[in-house]
Amino acid sequence: MPNLVLEYSNSVEERINIQGLLEDLHQVALDSGLFEVSSVKSRTLRCHHWLVGNVADSEDFIHVQFELLDGRTPAQKRELSQQLMDVLLSQASHVYSLTIDLRDMDKDCFMKIIRN
């Protein structure tokens, strides 16, 4: 049940194929072997308003929020984070800020319903 959310400043869209980037990041999660393929969900969030330090919105960013159920080792999570960053660097190295936040979700509090 991982959720990958690719957030980006709208200025990035002019220079990067966002759909292609999302697909490549999604593929990293699929190829990691850490998740059931059918449980991986990825999406984008375009930010129209943002602030970075004291330069306001003159600098662009891409941030990947990756949430997964707890149970993976720190080494597995570091490797996944590095593979995601490798994709960002290969396609968006010219973007001012590239960040990844990989977080564990609490299995005891997570709920899921799948309708057929």
N, C-alpha and C. Protein backbone atom coordinates (compact mmCIF):
# COMPACT_ATOMS: atom_id res chain seq x y z
N MET A 1 0.82 -1.18 0.00
CA MET A 1 0.00 0.00 0.00
C MET A 1 0.86 1.24 0.00
N PRO A 2 1.82 1.35 -0.84
CA PRO A 2 2.54 2.61 -0.89
C PRO A 2 1.79 3.66 -1.71
N ASN A 3 1.93 4.90 -1.28
CA ASN A 3 1.40 6.05 -2.00
C ASN A 3 2.56 6.96 -2.35
N LEU A 4 2.75 7.20 -3.63
CA LEU A 4 3.78 8.11 -4.10
C LEU A 4 3.08 9.36 -4.61
N VAL A 5 3.44 10.50 -4.04
CA VAL A 5 2.85 11.77 -4.46
C VAL A 5 3.99 12.66 -4.96
N LEU A 6 3.93 13.03 -6.22
CA LEU A 6 4.91 13.91 -6.84
C LEU A 6 4.35 15.33 -6.84
N GLU A 7 4.88 16.15 -5.95
CA GLU A 7 4.48 17.56 -5.88
C GLU A 7 5.50 18.38 -6.67
N TYR A 8 5.02 19.39 -7.37
CA TYR A 8 5.94 20.21 -8.15
C TYR A 8 5.38 21.61 -8.36
N SER A 9 6.28 22.56 -8.47
CA SER A 9 5.87 23.93 -8.78
C SER A 9 5.46 23.98 -10.25
N ASN A 10 4.45 24.78 -10.54
CA ASN A 10 3.93 24.80 -11.90
C ASN A 10 4.96 25.22 -12.94
N SER A 11 5.99 25.92 -12.52
CA SER A 11 7.06 26.33 -13.45
C SER A 11 7.85 25.13 -13.97
N VAL A 12 7.85 24.04 -13.25
CA VAL A 12 8.58 22.83 -13.66
C VAL A 12 7.93 22.20 -14.89
N GLU A 13 6.63 22.32 -14.98
CA GLU A 13 5.88 21.67 -16.05
C GLU A 13 6.32 22.12 -17.45
N GLU A 14 6.86 23.32 -17.54
CA GLU A 14 7.31 23.84 -18.83
C GLU A 14 8.57 23.14 -19.33
N ARG A 15 9.32 22.52 -18.42
CA ARG A 15 10.63 21.96 -18.79
C ARG A 15 10.77 20.46 -18.59
N ILE A 16 9.77 19.85 -17.97
CA ILE A 16 9.87 18.43 -17.64
C ILE A 16 8.58 17.72 -18.06
N ASN A 17 8.72 16.53 -18.57
CA ASN A 17 7.57 15.69 -18.88
C ASN A 17 7.09 15.08 -17.56
N ILE A 18 6.12 15.69 -16.93
CA ILE A 18 5.65 15.27 -15.61
C ILE A 18 5.06 13.87 -15.66
N GLN A 19 4.26 13.56 -16.66
CA GLN A 19 3.68 12.22 -16.76
C GLN A 19 4.78 11.17 -16.90
N GLY A 20 5.78 11.45 -17.72
CA GLY A 20 6.90 10.51 -17.88
C GLY A 20 7.69 10.33 -16.59
N LEU A 21 7.90 11.43 -15.88
CA LEU A 21 8.60 11.36 -14.60
C LEU A 21 7.81 10.53 -13.60
N LEU A 22 6.50 10.77 -13.53
CA LEU A 22 5.65 10.00 -12.62
C LEU A 22 5.71 8.51 -12.96
N GLU A 23 5.64 8.18 -14.24
CA GLU A 23 5.69 6.78 -14.65
C GLU A 23 7.01 6.14 -14.25
N ASP A 24 8.12 6.86 -14.41
CA ASP A 24 9.43 6.32 -14.05
C ASP A 24 9.57 6.14 -12.54
N LEU A 25 9.07 7.07 -11.75
CA LEU A 25 9.10 6.93 -10.29
C LEU A 25 8.22 5.76 -9.86
N HIS A 26 7.06 5.64 -10.48
CA HIS A 26 6.14 4.54 -10.20
C HIS A 26 6.83 3.20 -10.49
N GLN A 27 7.56 3.15 -11.59
CA GLN A 27 8.25 1.91 -11.98
C GLN A 27 9.31 1.53 -10.95
N VAL A 28 9.98 2.52 -10.37
CA VAL A 28 10.96 2.24 -9.32
C VAL A 28 10.28 1.51 -8.17
N ALA A 29 9.12 1.99 -7.76
CA ALA A 29 8.38 1.34 -6.68
C ALA A 29 7.98 -0.08 -7.06
N LEU A 30 7.50 -0.25 -8.30
CA LEU A 30 7.11 -1.58 -8.76
C LEU A 30 8.30 -2.54 -8.78
N ASP A 31 9.44 -2.05 -9.24
CA ASP A 31 10.63 -2.89 -9.39
C ASP A 31 11.36 -3.15 -8.08
N SER A 32 11.02 -2.43 -7.03
CA SER A 32 11.74 -2.56 -5.77
C SER A 32 11.57 -3.92 -5.12
N GLY A 33 10.47 -4.60 -5.43
CA GLY A 33 10.20 -5.88 -4.79
C GLY A 33 9.70 -5.76 -3.37
N LEU A 34 9.43 -4.55 -2.93
CA LEU A 34 8.98 -4.32 -1.56
C LEU A 34 7.46 -4.32 -1.41
N PHE A 35 6.74 -4.29 -2.54
CA PHE A 35 5.30 -4.11 -2.49
C PHE A 35 4.60 -5.04 -3.48
N GLU A 36 3.33 -5.31 -3.21
CA GLU A 36 2.50 -5.97 -4.21
C GLU A 36 2.26 -4.96 -5.33
N VAL A 37 2.47 -5.35 -6.54
CA VAL A 37 2.35 -4.44 -7.67
C VAL A 37 0.99 -3.73 -7.68
N SER A 38 -0.06 -4.47 -7.41
CA SER A 38 -1.41 -3.89 -7.47
C SER A 38 -1.68 -2.86 -6.38
N SER A 39 -0.81 -2.79 -5.38
CA SER A 39 -1.06 -1.86 -4.27
C SER A 39 -0.35 -0.52 -4.44
N VAL A 40 0.53 -0.39 -5.41
CA VAL A 40 1.29 0.85 -5.60
C VAL A 40 0.42 1.89 -6.28
N LYS A 41 0.31 3.07 -5.64
CA LYS A 41 -0.48 4.17 -6.19
C LYS A 41 0.41 5.39 -6.31
N SER A 42 0.37 6.04 -7.46
CA SER A 42 1.18 7.23 -7.70
C SER A 42 0.32 8.32 -8.32
N ARG A 43 0.61 9.56 -7.95
CA ARG A 43 -0.16 10.68 -8.48
C ARG A 43 0.67 11.96 -8.38
N THR A 44 0.20 13.00 -9.04
CA THR A 44 0.90 14.29 -9.00
C THR A 44 0.02 15.35 -8.35
N LEU A 45 0.68 16.33 -7.79
CA LEU A 45 0.02 17.52 -7.27
C LEU A 45 0.80 18.73 -7.77
N ARG A 46 0.17 19.52 -8.60
CA ARG A 46 0.79 20.73 -9.14
C ARG A 46 0.53 21.89 -8.18
N CYS A 47 1.57 22.57 -7.79
CA CYS A 47 1.44 23.70 -6.85
C CYS A 47 1.47 25.01 -7.64
N HIS A 48 0.45 25.81 -7.45
CA HIS A 48 0.36 27.10 -8.13
C HIS A 48 0.95 28.22 -7.28
N HIS A 49 1.02 28.01 -5.99
CA HIS A 49 1.54 29.02 -5.08
C HIS A 49 2.52 28.34 -4.14
N TRP A 50 3.72 28.90 -3.98
CA TRP A 50 4.72 28.32 -3.09
C TRP A 50 5.71 29.40 -2.69
N LEU A 51 6.42 29.11 -1.64
CA LEU A 51 7.48 29.99 -1.16
C LEU A 51 8.71 29.14 -0.87
N VAL A 52 9.88 29.65 -1.23
CA VAL A 52 11.14 28.98 -0.94
C VAL A 52 12.06 30.01 -0.32
N GLY A 53 12.37 29.83 0.97
CA GLY A 53 13.28 30.75 1.64
C GLY A 53 12.86 32.19 1.46
N ASN A 54 13.82 33.04 1.11
CA ASN A 54 13.52 34.45 0.89
C ASN A 54 13.46 34.81 -0.59
N VAL A 55 13.39 33.79 -1.45
CA VAL A 55 13.30 34.05 -2.89
C VAL A 55 11.88 33.83 -3.41
N ALA A 56 10.96 33.64 -2.48
CA ALA A 56 9.54 33.47 -2.81
C ALA A 56 9.33 32.36 -3.82
N ASP A 57 8.62 32.66 -4.91
CA ASP A 57 8.32 31.62 -5.89
C ASP A 57 9.19 31.72 -7.14
N SER A 58 10.35 32.34 -7.02
CA SER A 58 11.24 32.45 -8.18
C SER A 58 12.09 31.19 -8.37
N GLU A 59 12.08 30.29 -7.41
CA GLU A 59 12.80 29.02 -7.54
C GLU A 59 11.79 27.88 -7.59
N ASP A 60 12.06 26.91 -8.45
CA ASP A 60 11.13 25.80 -8.60
C ASP A 60 11.54 24.61 -7.74
N PHE A 61 10.64 23.66 -7.61
CA PHE A 61 10.91 22.48 -6.78
C PHE A 61 10.14 21.27 -7.27
N ILE A 62 10.67 20.11 -6.88
CA ILE A 62 9.96 18.84 -6.99
C ILE A 62 10.14 18.14 -5.64
N HIS A 63 9.05 17.68 -5.09
CA HIS A 63 9.10 16.95 -3.82
C HIS A 63 8.32 15.65 -3.98
N VAL A 64 8.94 14.55 -3.62
CA VAL A 64 8.28 13.25 -3.65
C VAL A 64 7.97 12.84 -2.22
N GLN A 65 6.70 12.66 -1.95
CA GLN A 65 6.24 12.13 -0.66
C GLN A 65 5.90 10.67 -0.90
N PHE A 66 6.57 9.77 -0.19
CA PHE A 66 6.34 8.34 -0.38
C PHE A 66 5.96 7.74 0.97
N GLU A 67 4.71 7.31 1.07
CA GLU A 67 4.21 6.72 2.32
C GLU A 67 4.02 5.23 2.12
N LEU A 68 4.50 4.44 3.08
CA LEU A 68 4.38 3.00 3.01
C LEU A 68 4.07 2.45 4.39
N LEU A 69 3.44 1.30 4.43
CA LEU A 69 3.17 0.68 5.71
C LEU A 69 4.48 0.27 6.35
N ASP A 70 4.58 0.42 7.66
CA ASP A 70 5.82 0.11 8.36
C ASP A 70 6.15 -1.37 8.20
N GLY A 71 7.42 -1.69 8.40
CA GLY A 71 7.86 -3.08 8.28
C GLY A 71 9.08 -3.26 7.40
N ARG A 72 9.48 -2.22 6.65
CA ARG A 72 10.68 -2.33 5.83
C ARG A 72 11.88 -1.90 6.67
N THR A 73 13.03 -2.44 6.35
CA THR A 73 14.24 -2.10 7.09
C THR A 73 14.73 -0.71 6.69
N PRO A 74 15.51 -0.07 7.54
CA PRO A 74 16.10 1.22 7.15
C PRO A 74 16.92 1.11 5.87
N ALA A 75 17.62 0.03 5.69
CA ALA A 75 18.43 -0.14 4.46
C ALA A 75 17.53 -0.22 3.22
N GLN A 76 16.41 -0.93 3.32
CA GLN A 76 15.48 -1.01 2.19
C GLN A 76 14.91 0.36 1.86
N LYS A 77 14.58 1.12 2.88
CA LYS A 77 14.01 2.45 2.67
C LYS A 77 15.05 3.41 2.09
N ARG A 78 16.28 3.33 2.56
CA ARG A 78 17.35 4.19 2.00
C ARG A 78 17.58 3.87 0.53
N GLU A 79 17.60 2.58 0.20
CA GLU A 79 17.81 2.17 -1.19
C GLU A 79 16.67 2.67 -2.08
N LEU A 80 15.45 2.53 -1.63
CA LEU A 80 14.30 3.02 -2.39
C LEU A 80 14.39 4.53 -2.58
N SER A 81 14.70 5.23 -1.52
CA SER A 81 14.83 6.68 -1.59
C SER A 81 15.92 7.08 -2.59
N GLN A 82 17.05 6.39 -2.56
CA GLN A 82 18.15 6.69 -3.48
C GLN A 82 17.75 6.42 -4.93
N GLN A 83 17.04 5.33 -5.16
CA GLN A 83 16.60 5.02 -6.52
C GLN A 83 15.62 6.07 -7.04
N LEU A 84 14.74 6.55 -6.18
CA LEU A 84 13.82 7.61 -6.57
C LEU A 84 14.59 8.89 -6.88
N MET A 85 15.59 9.22 -6.06
CA MET A 85 16.39 10.42 -6.30
C MET A 85 17.18 10.28 -7.60
N ASP A 86 17.67 9.09 -7.90
CA ASP A 86 18.39 8.88 -9.16
C ASP A 86 17.51 9.23 -10.36
N VAL A 87 16.23 8.86 -10.29
CA VAL A 87 15.30 9.20 -11.37
C VAL A 87 15.11 10.72 -11.44
N LEU A 88 14.93 11.35 -10.29
CA LEU A 88 14.78 12.82 -10.28
C LEU A 88 16.01 13.48 -10.89
N LEU A 89 17.18 13.04 -10.48
CA LEU A 89 18.42 13.66 -11.00
C LEU A 89 18.59 13.43 -12.49
N SER A 90 18.14 12.28 -12.98
CA SER A 90 18.30 12.01 -14.41
C SER A 90 17.37 12.85 -15.27
N GLN A 91 16.23 13.29 -14.71
CA GLN A 91 15.26 14.02 -15.51
C GLN A 91 15.06 15.47 -15.09
N ALA A 92 15.53 15.82 -13.90
CA ALA A 92 15.22 17.16 -13.38
C ALA A 92 16.38 17.79 -12.63
N SER A 93 17.59 17.49 -13.03
CA SER A 93 18.76 18.00 -12.29
C SER A 93 18.84 19.52 -12.31
N HIS A 94 18.18 20.17 -13.25
CA HIS A 94 18.20 21.62 -13.35
C HIS A 94 17.18 22.30 -12.44
N VAL A 95 16.32 21.52 -11.78
CA VAL A 95 15.34 22.09 -10.86
C VAL A 95 16.04 22.49 -9.57
N TYR A 96 15.69 23.65 -9.04
CA TYR A 96 16.35 24.23 -7.88
C TYR A 96 16.37 23.30 -6.67
N SER A 97 15.22 22.72 -6.32
CA SER A 97 15.12 21.88 -5.13
C SER A 97 14.47 20.55 -5.47
N LEU A 98 15.19 19.46 -5.17
CA LEU A 98 14.67 18.11 -5.34
C LEU A 98 14.70 17.44 -3.97
N THR A 99 13.55 16.99 -3.49
CA THR A 99 13.50 16.36 -2.18
C THR A 99 12.62 15.12 -2.21
N ILE A 100 12.93 14.20 -1.30
CA ILE A 100 12.15 12.98 -1.13
C ILE A 100 11.93 12.79 0.35
N ASP A 101 10.70 12.49 0.73
CA ASP A 101 10.37 12.18 2.11
C ASP A 101 9.66 10.83 2.12
N LEU A 102 10.34 9.82 2.63
CA LEU A 102 9.80 8.48 2.70
C LEU A 102 9.38 8.22 4.15
N ARG A 103 8.10 7.93 4.37
CA ARG A 103 7.57 7.79 5.73
C ARG A 103 6.80 6.49 5.91
N ASP A 104 6.94 5.94 7.12
CA ASP A 104 6.15 4.78 7.50
C ASP A 104 4.77 5.21 7.98
N MET A 105 3.77 4.46 7.57
CA MET A 105 2.42 4.64 8.08
C MET A 105 2.18 3.58 9.15
N ASP A 106 1.35 3.87 10.10
CA ASP A 106 1.05 2.95 11.19
C ASP A 106 0.03 1.92 10.73
N LYS A 107 0.43 0.64 10.71
CA LYS A 107 -0.47 -0.44 10.27
C LYS A 107 -1.73 -0.51 11.12
N ASP A 108 -1.60 -0.19 12.40
CA ASP A 108 -2.76 -0.28 13.29
C ASP A 108 -3.82 0.77 13.00
N CYS A 109 -3.43 1.86 12.36
CA CYS A 109 -4.36 2.95 12.09
C CYS A 109 -4.79 3.03 10.62
N PHE A 110 -4.10 2.35 9.74
CA PHE A 110 -4.40 2.41 8.33
C PHE A 110 -5.65 1.57 8.03
N MET A 111 -6.52 2.10 7.20
CA MET A 111 -7.72 1.39 6.78
C MET A 111 -7.81 1.43 5.26
N LYS A 112 -8.36 0.38 4.69
CA LYS A 112 -8.47 0.29 3.24
C LYS A 112 -9.72 -0.49 2.87
N ILE A 113 -10.44 0.02 1.89
CA ILE A 113 -11.59 -0.68 1.33
C ILE A 113 -11.42 -0.73 -0.17
N ILE A 114 -11.58 -1.89 -0.75
CA ILE A 114 -11.54 -2.05 -2.19
C ILE A 114 -12.89 -2.57 -2.62
N ARG A 115 -13.54 -1.86 -3.50
CA ARG A 115 -14.87 -2.28 -3.97
C ARG A 115 -14.73 -3.00 -5.31
N ASN A 116 -15.47 -4.06 -5.45
CA ASN A 116 -15.45 -4.83 -6.70
C ASN A 116 -16.54 -4.39 -7.62
